[in-house]
Amino acid sequence: MAEYINLEDGIGRVMGNRKLYRRMLKLFLEAKEPAELENAIAEGNSTAAGEAAHAIKGMTGNLGMRPLFDLSSRLTEECRNGTADPDTVAAFQEALRGTREEAAAAAEELED
């Protein structure tokens, strides 16, 4: 069972179109926003970090990636309030790693 991605939910969000969902997973895996978020946090740029976290929130919400969605939401709010909590950042990074692993496996599994 997947810990980070609810495939049934994600596929349901694209009305059962597995090919489209696979394409969206691949786009998620290629997304630049996670690196932008990491760089913005390292530079102390809470505005840019908040924007990147918000973009990740949108992607993950549409793909059934609830743990990463929740952490992206939290980071978005923290950045809007001035700074990201190190514990939230660490939890986000762990969830991102796990989500990417599951997304890569799911994209491969959904190949026709």
Protein backbone atom coordinates (compact mmCIF):
# COMPACT_ATOMS: atom_id res chain seq x y z
CA MET A 1 0.00 0.00 0.00
CA ALA A 2 1.23 3.44 -0.89
CA GLU A 3 2.07 5.77 1.96
CA TYR A 4 2.29 9.02 0.02
CA ILE A 5 -0.01 8.67 -3.00
CA ASN A 6 -3.63 7.58 -3.14
CA LEU A 7 -3.71 6.32 -6.74
CA GLU A 8 -7.44 5.70 -6.70
CA ASP A 9 -8.05 9.32 -5.69
CA GLY A 10 -5.57 10.69 -8.21
CA ILE A 11 -6.90 8.65 -11.10
CA GLY A 12 -10.43 9.57 -10.06
CA ARG A 13 -9.53 13.26 -10.29
CA VAL A 14 -8.83 12.77 -14.01
CA MET A 15 -12.04 10.82 -14.52
CA GLY A 16 -10.27 7.47 -14.75
CA ASN A 17 -7.89 8.51 -17.51
CA ARG A 18 -4.84 6.48 -16.50
CA LYS A 19 -2.76 7.74 -19.42
CA LEU A 20 -3.37 11.36 -18.40
CA TYR A 21 -2.63 10.57 -14.76
CA ARG A 22 0.65 8.90 -15.76
CA ARG A 23 1.57 11.99 -17.78
CA MET A 24 0.76 14.21 -14.78
CA LEU A 25 2.93 12.02 -12.53
CA LYS A 26 5.81 12.44 -14.96
CA LEU A 27 5.31 16.21 -14.98
CA PHE A 28 5.39 16.17 -11.18
CA LEU A 29 8.67 14.25 -11.25
CA GLU A 30 10.15 16.88 -13.61
CA ALA A 31 8.77 19.91 -11.73
CA LYS A 32 11.21 22.66 -10.85
CA GLU A 33 9.28 23.95 -7.85
CA PRO A 34 10.79 21.60 -5.24
CA ALA A 35 14.29 22.85 -6.10
CA GLU A 36 13.03 26.44 -6.15
CA LEU A 37 11.52 25.94 -2.71
CA GLU A 38 14.74 24.50 -1.31
CA ASN A 39 16.81 27.34 -2.77
CA ALA A 40 14.40 30.02 -1.53
CA ILE A 41 14.45 28.59 2.00
CA ALA A 42 18.26 28.41 1.95
CA GLU A 43 18.40 32.05 0.82
CA GLY A 44 15.84 33.13 3.42
CA ASN A 45 13.45 34.33 0.71
CA SER A 46 10.10 33.55 2.31
CA THR A 47 8.12 35.13 -0.56
CA ALA A 48 9.68 32.87 -3.20
CA ALA A 49 9.47 29.87 -0.86
CA GLY A 50 5.79 30.54 -0.29
CA GLU A 51 5.13 30.77 -4.03
CA ALA A 52 6.94 27.49 -4.71
CA ALA A 53 5.18 25.75 -1.82
CA HIS A 54 1.82 27.00 -3.13
CA ALA A 55 2.59 25.62 -6.62
CA ILE A 56 3.54 22.25 -5.11
CA LYS A 57 0.32 22.30 -3.09
CA GLY A 58 -1.67 22.66 -6.31
CA MET A 59 0.15 19.85 -8.08
CA THR A 60 -0.05 17.42 -5.20
CA GLY A 61 -3.70 18.13 -4.47
CA ASN A 62 -4.61 17.19 -8.02
CA LEU A 63 -2.57 13.99 -7.93
CA GLY A 64 -3.85 12.43 -4.71
CA MET A 65 -0.63 13.13 -2.80
CA ARG A 66 -2.25 14.10 0.49
CA PRO A 67 0.77 14.02 2.86
CA LEU A 68 2.80 16.29 0.58
CA PHE A 69 -0.27 18.46 -0.05
CA ASP A 70 -0.74 18.97 3.68
CA LEU A 71 2.93 19.83 4.23
CA SER A 72 2.94 22.17 1.23
CA SER A 73 -0.10 23.92 2.68
CA ARG A 74 1.65 24.30 6.03
CA LEU A 75 4.83 25.61 4.37
CA THR A 76 2.82 28.07 2.29
CA GLU A 77 1.28 29.53 5.44
CA GLU A 78 4.54 29.57 7.36
CA CYS A 79 6.32 31.36 4.52
CA ARG A 80 3.52 33.90 4.25
CA ASN A 81 4.03 34.54 7.96
CA GLY A 82 7.73 35.16 7.45
CA THR A 83 9.65 31.92 7.90
CA ALA A 84 9.44 28.17 7.45
CA ASP A 85 9.77 26.02 10.56
CA PRO A 86 12.78 23.67 10.24
CA ASP A 87 10.65 20.73 11.41
CA THR A 88 8.11 21.41 8.68
CA VAL A 89 10.89 21.67 6.10
CA ALA A 90 12.38 18.34 7.24
CA ALA A 91 8.98 16.63 7.15
CA PHE A 92 8.34 18.13 3.70
CA GLN A 93 11.69 16.86 2.37
CA GLU A 94 10.99 13.35 3.68
CA ALA A 95 7.49 13.34 2.18
CA LEU A 96 8.85 14.68 -1.11
CA ARG A 97 11.40 11.88 -1.28
CA GLY A 98 8.79 9.21 -0.59
CA THR A 99 6.27 10.78 -2.95
CA ARG A 100 8.79 10.92 -5.77
CA GLU A 101 9.65 7.25 -5.27
CA GLU A 102 5.99 6.26 -5.33
CA ALA A 103 5.25 8.53 -8.30
CA ALA A 104 8.07 6.97 -10.33
CA ALA A 105 6.85 3.46 -9.49
CA ALA A 106 3.23 4.37 -10.26
CA ALA A 107 4.15 5.97 -13.59
CA GLU A 108 6.00 2.81 -14.56
CA GLU A 109 3.11 0.61 -13.38
CA LEU A 110 0.62 2.64 -15.44
CA GLU A 111 2.63 2.24 -18.67
CA ASP A 112 0.59 0.59 -21.42
